[in-house]
């Protein structure tokens, strides 16, 4: 009698089949980052902001008319905020003259890969913009800060046809040290 047969008779061997080990799944490849570098993310955010500013300037120059034109440049959450601002222009008969400028763009953070969030600091330049009422009177605040620090966050929107598909998710004045002064 073989050792296996003796073991079976004495009850030392499993009689049920040994389960095969669970299949190992192939390792999931790491998601390919949308940006090859921080510089590329910064360039994409800068381009997205420039496109947003151009459309925003157009809408405010036209007194807030057809404000939905801003939607390809912003997230749904930011769209609601922008529409409220443009409605004020329309309701009060305001229009802008000139263009918003910006410079000194620098990357604050880049998080995520397939759904990146790019946050930048920049200096918004309001010096070439004038706000006028329906009679064409300049109502620009006399104490308007001509250069203001801003923090802007971008997210990827797969419905946007630009290379990176970045849209503004939120934008606010920077409350920290004014890096635009001087």
C-alpha atoms as a PDB file:
ATOM      1  CA  UNK A   1       0.000   0.000   0.000  1.00  0.00           C
ATOM      2  CA  UNK A   2       1.272   3.395  -0.811  1.00  0.00           C
ATOM      3  CA  UNK A   3       1.637   6.146   1.729  1.00  0.00           C
ATOM      4  CA  UNK A   4      -1.206   8.041   0.080  1.00  0.00           C
ATOM      5  CA  UNK A   5      -3.548   5.054   0.444  1.00  0.00           C
ATOM      6  CA  UNK A   6      -2.646   4.608   4.122  1.00  0.00           C
ATOM      7  CA  UNK A   7      -3.199   8.275   4.784  1.00  0.00           C
ATOM      8  CA  UNK A   8      -6.625   8.131   3.144  1.00  0.00           C
ATOM      9  CA  UNK A   9      -7.670   5.192   5.282  1.00  0.00           C
ATOM     10  CA  UNK A  10      -6.653   6.882   8.477  1.00  0.00           C
ATOM     11  CA  UNK A  11      -8.425  10.130   7.569  1.00  0.00           C
ATOM     12  CA  UNK A  12      -5.307  12.249   7.332  1.00  0.00           C
ATOM     13  CA  UNK A  13      -5.878  13.344   3.771  1.00  0.00           C
ATOM     14  CA  UNK A  14      -8.485  15.757   2.477  1.00  0.00           C
ATOM     15  CA  UNK A  15     -11.152  14.015   0.500  1.00  0.00           C
ATOM     16  CA  UNK A  16     -12.592  17.160  -1.085  1.00  0.00           C
ATOM     17  CA  UNK A  17     -10.700  18.633  -3.974  1.00  0.00           C
ATOM     18  CA  UNK A  18      -8.223  21.332  -3.136  1.00  0.00           C
ATOM     19  CA  UNK A  19      -9.453  24.615  -4.474  1.00  0.00           C
ATOM     20  CA  UNK A  20      -7.178  26.176  -6.963  1.00  0.00           C
ATOM     21  CA  UNK A  21      -5.770  29.521  -5.920  1.00  0.00           C
ATOM     22  CA  UNK A  22      -7.827  32.515  -6.938  1.00  0.00           C
ATOM     23  CA  UNK A  23      -6.879  33.794 -10.316  1.00  0.00           C
ATOM     24  CA  UNK A  24      -4.525  36.680 -10.139  1.00  0.00           C
ATOM     25  CA  UNK A  25      -5.690  39.634 -12.104  1.00  0.00           C
ATOM     26  CA  UNK A  26      -3.248  41.311 -14.347  1.00  0.00           C
ATOM     27  CA  UNK A  27      -1.802  44.346 -12.662  1.00  0.00           C
ATOM     28  CA  UNK A  28      -3.718  47.470 -13.528  1.00  0.00           C
ATOM     29  CA  UNK A  29      -1.476  49.790 -15.430  1.00  0.00           C
ATOM     30  CA  UNK A  30      -0.999  53.115 -13.722  1.00  0.00           C
ATOM     31  CA  UNK A  31      -3.113  55.822 -15.280  1.00  0.00           C
ATOM     32  CA  UNK A  32      -1.162  57.882 -17.738  1.00  0.00           C
ATOM     33  CA  UNK A  33      -0.927  61.413 -16.400  1.00  0.00           C
ATOM     34  CA  UNK A  34      -2.633  64.043 -18.520  1.00  0.00           C
ATOM     35  CA  UNK A  35       0.412  66.300 -18.199  1.00  0.00           C
ATOM     36  CA  UNK A  36       3.985  65.283 -18.838  1.00  0.00           C
ATOM     37  CA  UNK A  37       5.253  67.987 -16.481  1.00  0.00           C
ATOM     38  CA  UNK A  38       4.229  70.801 -14.167  1.00  0.00           C
ATOM     39  CA  UNK A  39       5.218  73.229 -16.925  1.00  0.00           C
ATOM     40  CA  UNK A  40       2.776  71.563 -19.306  1.00  0.00           C
ATOM     41  CA  UNK A  41      -0.023  71.777 -16.705  1.00  0.00           C
ATOM     42  CA  UNK A  42       0.763  75.452 -16.131  1.00  0.00           C
ATOM     43  CA  UNK A  43       0.703  76.171 -19.874  1.00  0.00           C
ATOM     44  CA  UNK A  44      -2.648  74.374 -20.232  1.00  0.00           C
ATOM     45  CA  UNK A  45      -4.167  76.303 -17.316  1.00  0.00           C
ATOM     46  CA  UNK A  46      -2.839  79.593 -18.694  1.00  0.00           C
ATOM     47  CA  UNK A  47      -4.369  78.872 -22.117  1.00  0.00           C
ATOM     48  CA  UNK A  48      -7.686  77.843 -20.543  1.00  0.00           C
ATOM     49  CA  UNK A  49      -7.780  81.035 -18.486  1.00  0.00           C
ATOM     50  CA  UNK A  50      -6.959  83.194 -21.512  1.00  0.00           C
ATOM     51  CA  UNK A  51      -9.869  81.629 -23.437  1.00  0.00           C
ATOM     52  CA  UNK A  52     -12.176  82.161 -20.458  1.00  0.00           C
ATOM     53  CA  UNK A  53     -11.131  85.816 -20.100  1.00  0.00           C
ATOM     54  CA  UNK A  54     -11.678  86.481 -23.804  1.00  0.00           C
ATOM     55  CA  UNK A  55     -15.244  85.150 -23.657  1.00  0.00           C
ATOM     56  CA  UNK A  56     -15.998  86.843 -20.345  1.00  0.00           C
ATOM     57  CA  UNK A  57     -14.772  90.173 -21.743  1.00  0.00           C
ATOM     58  CA  UNK A  58     -16.990  89.699 -24.791  1.00  0.00           C
ATOM     59  CA  UNK A  59     -20.062  88.987 -22.652  1.00  0.00           C
ATOM     60  CA  UNK A  60     -19.492  91.945 -20.309  1.00  0.00           C
ATOM     61  CA  UNK A  61     -18.739  94.260 -23.248  1.00  0.00           C
ATOM     62  CA  UNK A  62     -22.151  93.268 -24.592  1.00  0.00           C
ATOM     63  CA  UNK A  63     -23.842  94.050 -21.275  1.00  0.00           C
ATOM     64  CA  UNK A  64     -24.202  90.459 -20.103  1.00  0.00           C
ATOM     65  CA  UNK A  65     -26.080  89.308 -23.209  1.00  0.00           C
ATOM     66  CA  UNK A  66     -26.113  85.581 -23.982  1.00  0.00           C
ATOM     67  CA  UNK A  67     -24.143  84.679 -20.849  1.00  0.00           C
ATOM     68  CA  UNK A  68     -24.383  80.940 -21.544  1.00  0.00           C
ATOM     69  CA  UNK A  69     -21.516  81.413 -24.007  1.00  0.00           C
ATOM     70  CA  UNK A  70     -19.190  81.077 -21.016  1.00  0.00           C
ATOM     71  CA  UNK A  71     -20.289  77.473 -20.360  1.00  0.00           C
ATOM     72  CA  UNK A  72     -17.535  75.741 -22.432  1.00  0.00           C
ATOM     73  CA  UNK A  73     -14.928  77.421 -20.218  1.00  0.00           C
ATOM     74  CA  UNK A  74     -16.273  76.617 -16.749  1.00  0.00           C
ATOM     75  CA  UNK A  75     -17.557  73.763 -14.595  1.00  0.00           C
ATOM     76  CA  UNK A  76     -21.264  73.593 -13.807  1.00  0.00           C
ATOM     77  CA  UNK A  77     -20.621  75.060 -10.368  1.00  0.00           C
ATOM     78  CA  UNK A  78     -18.638  77.992 -11.743  1.00  0.00           C
ATOM     79  CA  UNK A  79     -21.234  78.507 -14.478  1.00  0.00           C
ATOM     80  CA  UNK A  80     -23.880  79.319 -11.866  1.00  0.00           C
ATOM     81  CA  UNK A  81     -21.599  81.917 -10.270  1.00  0.00           C
ATOM     82  CA  UNK A  82     -20.663  83.501 -13.607  1.00  0.00           C
ATOM     83  CA  UNK A  83     -24.268  83.623 -14.807  1.00  0.00           C
ATOM     84  CA  UNK A  84     -25.213  85.541 -11.659  1.00  0.00           C
ATOM     85  CA  UNK A  85     -22.498  88.134 -12.360  1.00  0.00           C
ATOM     86  CA  UNK A  86     -23.532  88.494 -16.006  1.00  0.00           C
ATOM     87  CA  UNK A  87     -27.182  88.846 -14.944  1.00  0.00           C
ATOM     88  CA  UNK A  88     -26.168  91.831 -12.812  1.00  0.00           C
ATOM     89  CA  UNK A  89     -24.656  93.455 -15.895  1.00  0.00           C
ATOM     90  CA  UNK A  90     -27.829  92.847 -17.850  1.00  0.00           C
ATOM     91  CA  UNK A  91     -30.243  93.889 -15.068  1.00  0.00           C
ATOM     92  CA  UNK A  92     -28.388  97.118 -14.263  1.00  0.00           C
ATOM     93  CA  UNK A  93     -27.498  98.034 -17.821  1.00  0.00           C
ATOM     94  CA  UNK A  94     -23.760  97.776 -17.200  1.00  0.00           C
ATOM     95  CA  UNK A  95     -21.125  97.061 -19.798  1.00  0.00           C
ATOM     96  CA  UNK A  96     -17.367  96.922 -19.703  1.00  0.00           C
ATOM     97  CA  UNK A  97     -14.875  98.566 -21.984  1.00  0.00           C
ATOM     98  CA  UNK A  98     -11.379  97.177 -22.346  1.00  0.00           C
ATOM     99  CA  UNK A  99      -9.894  93.836 -21.563  1.00  0.00           C
ATOM    100  CA  UNK A 100      -8.902  92.028 -18.409  1.00  0.00           C
ATOM    101  CA  UNK A 101      -5.233  91.229 -18.402  1.00  0.00           C
ATOM    102  CA  UNK A 102      -3.315  88.752 -16.306  1.00  0.00           C
ATOM    103  CA  UNK A 103       0.272  87.766 -15.722  1.00  0.00           C
ATOM    104  CA  UNK A 104       2.629  86.165 -13.214  1.00  0.00           C
ATOM    105  CA  UNK A 105       0.857  82.815 -13.492  1.00  0.00           C
ATOM    106  CA  UNK A 106       2.407  80.155 -11.332  1.00  0.00           C
ATOM    107  CA  UNK A 107       1.405  76.637 -10.432  1.00  0.00           C
ATOM    108  CA  UNK A 108       0.127  76.175  -6.905  1.00  0.00           C
ATOM    109  CA  UNK A 109      -0.719  72.480  -7.182  1.00  0.00           C
ATOM    110  CA  UNK A 110      -1.372  69.617  -9.572  1.00  0.00           C
ATOM    111  CA  UNK A 111      -3.245  66.631  -8.199  1.00  0.00           C
ATOM    112  CA  UNK A 112      -4.706  63.525  -9.814  1.00  0.00           C
ATOM    113  CA  UNK A 113      -3.852  61.921 -13.113  1.00  0.00           C
ATOM    114  CA  UNK A 114      -6.896  60.933 -15.152  1.00  0.00           C
ATOM    115  CA  UNK A 115      -9.012  63.599 -13.385  1.00  0.00           C
ATOM    116  CA  UNK A 116      -6.435  66.262 -12.644  1.00  0.00           C
ATOM    117  CA  UNK A 117      -7.030  69.405 -10.657  1.00  0.00           C
ATOM    118  CA  UNK A 118      -4.697  72.250 -11.558  1.00  0.00           C
ATOM    119  CA  UNK A 119      -4.607  75.236  -9.232  1.00  0.00           C
ATOM    120  CA  UNK A 120      -2.709  78.398 -10.098  1.00  0.00           C
ATOM    121  CA  UNK A 121      -1.957  81.795  -8.661  1.00  0.00           C
ATOM    122  CA  UNK A 122      -2.028  84.762 -11.026  1.00  0.00           C
ATOM    123  CA  UNK A 123      -2.210  88.519 -11.037  1.00  0.00           C
ATOM    124  CA  UNK A 124      -5.390  89.870 -12.605  1.00  0.00           C
ATOM    125  CA  UNK A 125      -4.861  93.258 -14.224  1.00  0.00           C
ATOM    126  CA  UNK A 126      -7.990  95.420 -14.148  1.00  0.00           C
ATOM    127  CA  UNK A 127      -6.193  98.614 -15.201  1.00  0.00           C
ATOM    128  CA  UNK A 128      -7.533  98.566 -18.766  1.00  0.00           C
ATOM    129  CA  UNK A 129     -11.169  97.869 -17.899  1.00  0.00           C
ATOM    130  CA  UNK A 130     -13.821 100.478 -17.344  1.00  0.00           C
ATOM    131  CA  UNK A 131     -17.364  99.793 -16.175  1.00  0.00           C
ATOM    132  CA  UNK A 132     -20.063 101.968 -17.721  1.00  0.00           C
ATOM    133  CA  UNK A 133     -23.759 102.322 -17.049  1.00  0.00           C
ATOM    134  CA  UNK A 134     -26.554 102.341 -19.640  1.00  0.00           C
ATOM    135  CA  UNK A 135     -25.917 106.060 -20.344  1.00  0.00           C
ATOM    136  CA  UNK A 136     -22.249 105.345 -21.045  1.00  0.00           C
ATOM    137  CA  UNK A 137     -21.053 107.017 -17.843  1.00  0.00           C
ATOM    138  CA  UNK A 138     -17.880 105.553 -16.364  1.00  0.00           C
ATOM    139  CA  UNK A 139     -18.869 104.052 -13.005  1.00  0.00           C
ATOM    140  CA  UNK A 140     -15.605 102.233 -12.351  1.00  0.00           C
ATOM    141  CA  UNK A 141     -14.791 102.334  -8.652  1.00  0.00           C
ATOM    142  CA  UNK A 142     -12.163 104.978  -8.011  1.00  0.00           C
ATOM    143  CA  UNK A 143     -10.394 102.743  -5.498  1.00  0.00           C
ATOM    144  CA  UNK A 144     -10.394  99.677  -7.750  1.00  0.00           C
ATOM    145  CA  UNK A 145      -7.274  97.627  -7.144  1.00  0.00           C
ATOM    146  CA  UNK A 146      -5.691  97.579 -10.590  1.00  0.00           C
ATOM    147  CA  UNK A 147      -3.725  94.378  -9.958  1.00  0.00           C
ATOM    148  CA  UNK A 148      -5.167  91.697  -7.743  1.00  0.00           C
ATOM    149  CA  UNK A 149      -3.889  88.273  -6.684  1.00  0.00           C
ATOM    150  CA  UNK A 150      -6.164  85.415  -7.667  1.00  0.00           C
ATOM    151  CA  UNK A 151      -6.297  81.690  -7.011  1.00  0.00           C
ATOM    152  CA  UNK A 152      -7.955  79.662  -9.751  1.00  0.00           C
ATOM    153  CA  UNK A 153      -8.646  75.959  -9.928  1.00  0.00           C
ATOM    154  CA  UNK A 154      -9.179  74.012 -13.135  1.00  0.00           C
ATOM    155  CA  UNK A 155     -10.635  70.553 -13.697  1.00  0.00           C
ATOM    156  CA  UNK A 156     -10.783  68.376 -16.758  1.00  0.00           C
ATOM    157  CA  UNK A 157     -14.061  68.258 -18.666  1.00  0.00           C
ATOM    158  CA  UNK A 158     -14.221  65.510 -21.285  1.00  0.00           C
ATOM    159  CA  UNK A 159     -16.829  67.513 -23.218  1.00  0.00           C
ATOM    160  CA  UNK A 160     -14.360  70.298 -23.945  1.00  0.00           C
ATOM    161  CA  UNK A 161     -12.632  69.942 -27.283  1.00  0.00           C
ATOM    162  CA  UNK A 162      -9.321  71.554 -26.351  1.00  0.00           C
ATOM    163  CA  UNK A 163      -6.245  69.362 -26.028  1.00  0.00           C
ATOM    164  CA  UNK A 164      -6.408  69.159 -22.234  1.00  0.00           C
ATOM    165  CA  UNK A 165     -10.076  69.968 -21.687  1.00  0.00           C
ATOM    166  CA  UNK A 166      -9.441  72.218 -18.693  1.00  0.00           C
ATOM    167  CA  UNK A 167     -12.238  74.420 -17.385  1.00  0.00           C
ATOM    168  CA  UNK A 168     -12.386  76.776 -14.422  1.00  0.00           C
ATOM    169  CA  UNK A 169     -13.899  75.091 -11.389  1.00  0.00           C
ATOM    170  CA  UNK A 170     -13.546  78.037  -9.030  1.00  0.00           C
ATOM    171  CA  UNK A 171     -11.856  81.382  -8.862  1.00  0.00           C
ATOM    172  CA  UNK A 172     -11.387  83.720  -5.948  1.00  0.00           C
ATOM    173  CA  UNK A 173      -9.342  86.648  -4.756  1.00  0.00           C
ATOM    174  CA  UNK A 174      -6.282  85.525  -2.847  1.00  0.00           C
ATOM    175  CA  UNK A 175      -6.554  86.627   0.764  1.00  0.00           C
ATOM    176  CA  UNK A 176      -2.929  85.928   1.640  1.00  0.00           C
ATOM    177  CA  UNK A 177       0.051  88.132   0.991  1.00  0.00           C
ATOM    178  CA  UNK A 178      -0.447  90.269  -2.130  1.00  0.00           C
ATOM    179  CA  UNK A 179       2.096  88.758  -4.513  1.00  0.00           C
ATOM    180  CA  UNK A 180       1.014  91.210  -7.238  1.00  0.00           C
ATOM    181  CA  UNK A 181       2.050  94.375  -5.413  1.00  0.00           C
ATOM    182  CA  UNK A 182       5.235  96.055  -6.421  1.00  0.00           C
END
